[in-house]
Amino acid sequence: MENADRQNDSAPIPSRGHGFPRRMRLVSSRQFDEVYLNGKKRLTGPFMAHALPNDLDHPRLGLSVPRLVGNAIRRNRIKRLLREAFRLMQSDLPQGYDLVITVRNHEPLSLAEYQSILSKTTRSLHLAWSRKQEKPASKKPREKDE
């Protein structure tokens, strides 16, 4: 009888439009290393973000939250909030990037604050990659004035 009371058939079913499936995540250390070594980085507020273009039509997220940030409860709360911010904003973020966020020690912020920081950071990284692609591939060395 208790189980029947716990079940709530009228509970809303979550929308499938903003899921966070495995294909939206960076999961292997090789994927993280690739972004760290070849990506651009930006320090924005409570985290360092690294981004690297991928050949996919969607962004992917990887999180690194070291123990210096706090105990497991605090680290997990920050990770949940960052994943939720990414999940809700994934259609608004620049497409085709692998994004690794390394969290620095800070008090957990609200979801809206994480969304704002994530949006600013990804736009900044997208602009940096856009500028890099606009520059010619081969530069002529400057001649020294003697």
C-alpha atoms as a PDB file:
ATOM      1  CA  MET A   1       0.000   0.000   0.000  1.00  0.00           C
ATOM      2  CA  GLU A   2       2.883   2.365   0.782  1.00  0.00           C
ATOM      3  CA  ASN A   3       4.290   1.906  -2.712  1.00  0.00           C
ATOM      4  CA  ALA A   4       0.936   2.814  -4.198  1.00  0.00           C
ATOM      5  CA  ASP A   5       0.909   5.988  -2.106  1.00  0.00           C
ATOM      6  CA  ARG A   6       4.408   6.880  -3.258  1.00  0.00           C
ATOM      7  CA  GLN A   7       3.542   6.557  -6.915  1.00  0.00           C
ATOM      8  CA  ASN A   8       2.057   9.686  -8.311  1.00  0.00           C
ATOM      9  CA  ASP A   9       0.484   9.011 -11.677  1.00  0.00           C
ATOM     10  CA  SER A  10      -0.219  12.705 -12.157  1.00  0.00           C
ATOM     11  CA  ALA A  11       3.471  13.703 -11.931  1.00  0.00           C
ATOM     12  CA  PRO A  12       4.555  15.634 -15.039  1.00  0.00           C
ATOM     13  CA  ILE A  13       6.685  13.758 -17.532  1.00  0.00           C
ATOM     14  CA  PRO A  14       9.891  15.643 -18.335  1.00  0.00           C
ATOM     15  CA  SER A  15      10.218  17.077 -21.806  1.00  0.00           C
ATOM     16  CA  ARG A  16      12.521  15.159 -24.160  1.00  0.00           C
ATOM     17  CA  GLY A  17      13.677  18.324 -25.957  1.00  0.00           C
ATOM     18  CA  HIS A  18      16.363  19.251 -23.425  1.00  0.00           C
ATOM     19  CA  GLY A  19      17.775  15.923 -22.311  1.00  0.00           C
ATOM     20  CA  PHE A  20      21.378  15.247 -21.416  1.00  0.00           C
ATOM     21  CA  PRO A  21      22.163  11.928 -23.116  1.00  0.00           C
ATOM     22  CA  ARG A  22      25.588  10.306 -23.125  1.00  0.00           C
ATOM     23  CA  ARG A  23      26.353  11.673 -26.602  1.00  0.00           C
ATOM     24  CA  MET A  24      26.266  15.193 -25.095  1.00  0.00           C
ATOM     25  CA  ARG A  25      29.008  14.386 -22.571  1.00  0.00           C
ATOM     26  CA  LEU A  26      32.750  14.007 -22.608  1.00  0.00           C
ATOM     27  CA  VAL A  27      33.386  10.795 -20.739  1.00  0.00           C
ATOM     28  CA  SER A  28      36.876   9.450 -21.431  1.00  0.00           C
ATOM     29  CA  SER A  29      40.168  10.861 -20.212  1.00  0.00           C
ATOM     30  CA  ARG A  30      41.332  10.880 -23.845  1.00  0.00           C
ATOM     31  CA  GLN A  31      38.487  13.272 -24.761  1.00  0.00           C
ATOM     32  CA  PHE A  32      39.359  15.559 -21.841  1.00  0.00           C
ATOM     33  CA  ASP A  33      43.079  15.489 -22.705  1.00  0.00           C
ATOM     34  CA  GLU A  34      42.337  16.400 -26.329  1.00  0.00           C
ATOM     35  CA  VAL A  35      40.379  19.479 -25.234  1.00  0.00           C
ATOM     36  CA  TYR A  36      42.990  20.487 -22.630  1.00  0.00           C
ATOM     37  CA  LEU A  37      45.897  20.153 -25.070  1.00  0.00           C
ATOM     38  CA  ASN A  38      44.382  21.603 -28.250  1.00  0.00           C
ATOM     39  CA  GLY A  39      41.562  23.836 -27.040  1.00  0.00           C
ATOM     40  CA  LYS A  40      41.345  27.487 -26.165  1.00  0.00           C
ATOM     41  CA  LYS A  41      40.725  28.445 -22.559  1.00  0.00           C
ATOM     42  CA  ARG A  42      39.018  31.238 -20.679  1.00  0.00           C
ATOM     43  CA  LEU A  43      38.950  32.015 -16.972  1.00  0.00           C
ATOM     44  CA  THR A  44      35.496  33.283 -16.147  1.00  0.00           C
ATOM     45  CA  GLY A  45      34.335  33.741 -12.587  1.00  0.00           C
ATOM     46  CA  PRO A  46      34.325  30.489 -10.662  1.00  0.00           C
ATOM     47  CA  PHE A  47      35.664  28.277 -13.447  1.00  0.00           C
ATOM     48  CA  MET A  48      38.174  27.763 -16.216  1.00  0.00           C
ATOM     49  CA  ALA A  49      36.606  26.676 -19.495  1.00  0.00           C
ATOM     50  CA  HIS A  50      38.406  24.933 -22.346  1.00  0.00           C
ATOM     51  CA  ALA A  51      36.777  24.570 -25.771  1.00  0.00           C
ATOM     52  CA  LEU A  52      37.715  22.677 -28.901  1.00  0.00           C
ATOM     53  CA  PRO A  53      35.642  22.456 -32.096  1.00  0.00           C
ATOM     54  CA  ASN A  54      34.248  19.006 -32.835  1.00  0.00           C
ATOM     55  CA  ASP A  55      32.703  17.594 -36.003  1.00  0.00           C
ATOM     56  CA  LEU A  56      29.295  17.142 -34.395  1.00  0.00           C
ATOM     57  CA  ASP A  57      26.168  19.258 -34.679  1.00  0.00           C
ATOM     58  CA  HIS A  58      25.900  19.720 -30.914  1.00  0.00           C
ATOM     59  CA  PRO A  59      28.099  20.799 -28.003  1.00  0.00           C
ATOM     60  CA  ARG A  60      29.451  18.273 -25.500  1.00  0.00           C
ATOM     61  CA  LEU A  61      30.222  18.968 -21.845  1.00  0.00           C
ATOM     62  CA  GLY A  62      32.862  17.611 -19.501  1.00  0.00           C
ATOM     63  CA  LEU A  63      33.189  18.670 -15.865  1.00  0.00           C
ATOM     64  CA  SER A  64      36.208  18.601 -13.584  1.00  0.00           C
ATOM     65  CA  VAL A  65      35.546  19.490  -9.971  1.00  0.00           C
ATOM     66  CA  PRO A  66      38.646  18.968  -7.778  1.00  0.00           C
ATOM     67  CA  ARG A  67      38.499  18.217  -4.072  1.00  0.00           C
ATOM     68  CA  LEU A  68      39.754  21.713  -3.295  1.00  0.00           C
ATOM     69  CA  VAL A  69      36.256  22.962  -4.161  1.00  0.00           C
ATOM     70  CA  GLY A  70      34.848  21.315  -1.050  1.00  0.00           C
ATOM     71  CA  ASN A  71      33.358  18.125   0.262  1.00  0.00           C
ATOM     72  CA  ALA A  72      31.472  15.647  -1.930  1.00  0.00           C
ATOM     73  CA  ILE A  73      28.111  17.237  -1.197  1.00  0.00           C
ATOM     74  CA  ARG A  74      29.274  20.649  -2.370  1.00  0.00           C
ATOM     75  CA  ARG A  75      31.088  19.284  -5.444  1.00  0.00           C
ATOM     76  CA  ASN A  76      28.064  17.244  -6.512  1.00  0.00           C
ATOM     77  CA  ARG A  77      25.715  20.209  -6.076  1.00  0.00           C
ATOM     78  CA  ILE A  78      27.934  22.372  -8.291  1.00  0.00           C
ATOM     79  CA  LYS A  79      28.130  19.610 -10.901  1.00  0.00           C
ATOM     80  CA  ARG A  80      24.337  19.172 -10.882  1.00  0.00           C
ATOM     81  CA  LEU A  81      23.796  22.909 -11.325  1.00  0.00           C
ATOM     82  CA  LEU A  82      26.340  23.166 -14.161  1.00  0.00           C
ATOM     83  CA  ARG A  83      24.870  20.144 -15.971  1.00  0.00           C
ATOM     84  CA  GLU A  84      21.390  21.607 -15.614  1.00  0.00           C
ATOM     85  CA  ALA A  85      22.548  25.008 -16.894  1.00  0.00           C
ATOM     86  CA  PHE A  86      24.143  23.296 -19.910  1.00  0.00           C
ATOM     87  CA  ARG A  87      21.088  21.103 -20.486  1.00  0.00           C
ATOM     88  CA  LEU A  88      18.694  24.056 -20.476  1.00  0.00           C
ATOM     89  CA  MET A  89      20.923  26.198 -22.701  1.00  0.00           C
ATOM     90  CA  GLN A  90      22.275  23.591 -25.129  1.00  0.00           C
ATOM     91  CA  SER A  91      20.241  24.884 -28.055  1.00  0.00           C
ATOM     92  CA  ASP A  92      21.407  28.475 -27.380  1.00  0.00           C
ATOM     93  CA  LEU A  93      25.109  27.625 -27.107  1.00  0.00           C
ATOM     94  CA  PRO A  94      27.438  27.635 -30.121  1.00  0.00           C
ATOM     95  CA  GLN A  95      27.132  24.243 -31.795  1.00  0.00           C
ATOM     96  CA  GLY A  96      30.003  21.899 -32.520  1.00  0.00           C
ATOM     97  CA  TYR A  97      32.275  22.396 -29.501  1.00  0.00           C
ATOM     98  CA  ASP A  98      33.662  20.140 -26.810  1.00  0.00           C
ATOM     99  CA  LEU A  99      33.600  22.127 -23.589  1.00  0.00           C
ATOM    100  CA  VAL A 100      35.478  21.184 -20.408  1.00  0.00           C
ATOM    101  CA  ILE A 101      34.763  23.209 -17.302  1.00  0.00           C
ATOM    102  CA  THR A 102      37.235  23.057 -14.421  1.00  0.00           C
ATOM    103  CA  VAL A 103      35.599  24.469 -11.329  1.00  0.00           C
ATOM    104  CA  ARG A 104      37.558  26.643  -8.905  1.00  0.00           C
ATOM    105  CA  ASN A 105      36.756  26.970  -5.224  1.00  0.00           C
ATOM    106  CA  HIS A 106      33.648  29.122  -4.703  1.00  0.00           C
ATOM    107  CA  GLU A 107      30.321  29.152  -2.931  1.00  0.00           C
ATOM    108  CA  PRO A 108      27.653  27.439  -5.066  1.00  0.00           C
ATOM    109  CA  LEU A 109      25.759  29.963  -7.192  1.00  0.00           C
ATOM    110  CA  SER A 110      22.188  29.928  -8.413  1.00  0.00           C
ATOM    111  CA  LEU A 111      21.215  28.160 -11.614  1.00  0.00           C
ATOM    112  CA  ALA A 112      20.617  31.509 -13.340  1.00  0.00           C
ATOM    113  CA  GLU A 113      24.116  32.714 -12.411  1.00  0.00           C
ATOM    114  CA  TYR A 114      25.695  29.536 -13.794  1.00  0.00           C
ATOM    115  CA  GLN A 115      23.662  29.938 -16.989  1.00  0.00           C
ATOM    116  CA  SER A 116      24.857  33.515 -17.401  1.00  0.00           C
ATOM    117  CA  ILE A 117      28.514  32.617 -16.831  1.00  0.00           C
ATOM    118  CA  LEU A 118      28.280  29.598 -19.133  1.00  0.00           C
ATOM    119  CA  SER A 119      26.715  31.698 -21.881  1.00  0.00           C
ATOM    120  CA  LYS A 120      29.371  34.440 -21.650  1.00  0.00           C
ATOM    121  CA  THR A 121      32.193  31.921 -21.554  1.00  0.00           C
ATOM    122  CA  THR A 122      31.032  29.883 -24.537  1.00  0.00           C
ATOM    123  CA  ARG A 123      30.443  33.015 -26.619  1.00  0.00           C
ATOM    124  CA  SER A 124      33.938  34.247 -25.782  1.00  0.00           C
ATOM    125  CA  LEU A 125      35.495  30.911 -26.725  1.00  0.00           C
ATOM    126  CA  HIS A 126      33.445  30.749 -29.921  1.00  0.00           C
ATOM    127  CA  LEU A 127      34.688  34.216 -30.921  1.00  0.00           C
ATOM    128  CA  ALA A 128      38.273  33.191 -30.203  1.00  0.00           C
ATOM    129  CA  TRP A 129      37.935  30.150 -32.468  1.00  0.00           C
ATOM    130  CA  SER A 130      36.184  32.212 -35.151  1.00  0.00           C
ATOM    131  CA  ARG A 131      39.036  34.737 -35.166  1.00  0.00           C
ATOM    132  CA  LYS A 132      41.593  31.957 -35.367  1.00  0.00           C
ATOM    133  CA  GLN A 133      39.851  30.455 -38.416  1.00  0.00           C
ATOM    134  CA  GLU A 134      39.678  33.847 -40.162  1.00  0.00           C
ATOM    135  CA  LYS A 135      43.449  34.378 -39.939  1.00  0.00           C
ATOM    136  CA  PRO A 136      45.482  33.064 -42.858  1.00  0.00           C
ATOM    137  CA  ALA A 137      47.052  29.678 -42.228  1.00  0.00           C
ATOM    138  CA  SER A 138      50.575  30.703 -43.186  1.00  0.00           C
ATOM    139  CA  LYS A 139      52.093  33.926 -41.978  1.00  0.00           C
ATOM    140  CA  LYS A 140      55.123  35.434 -43.580  1.00  0.00           C
ATOM    141  CA  PRO A 141      57.911  36.098 -41.073  1.00  0.00           C
ATOM    142  CA  ARG A 142      58.602  39.764 -40.471  1.00  0.00           C
ATOM    143  CA  GLU A 143      61.841  41.037 -41.844  1.00  0.00           C
ATOM    144  CA  LYS A 144      64.221  42.499 -39.309  1.00  0.00           C
ATOM    145  CA  ASP A 145      65.177  46.137 -39.714  1.00  0.00           C
ATOM    146  CA  GLU A 146      68.931  46.536 -39.625  1.00  0.00           C
END
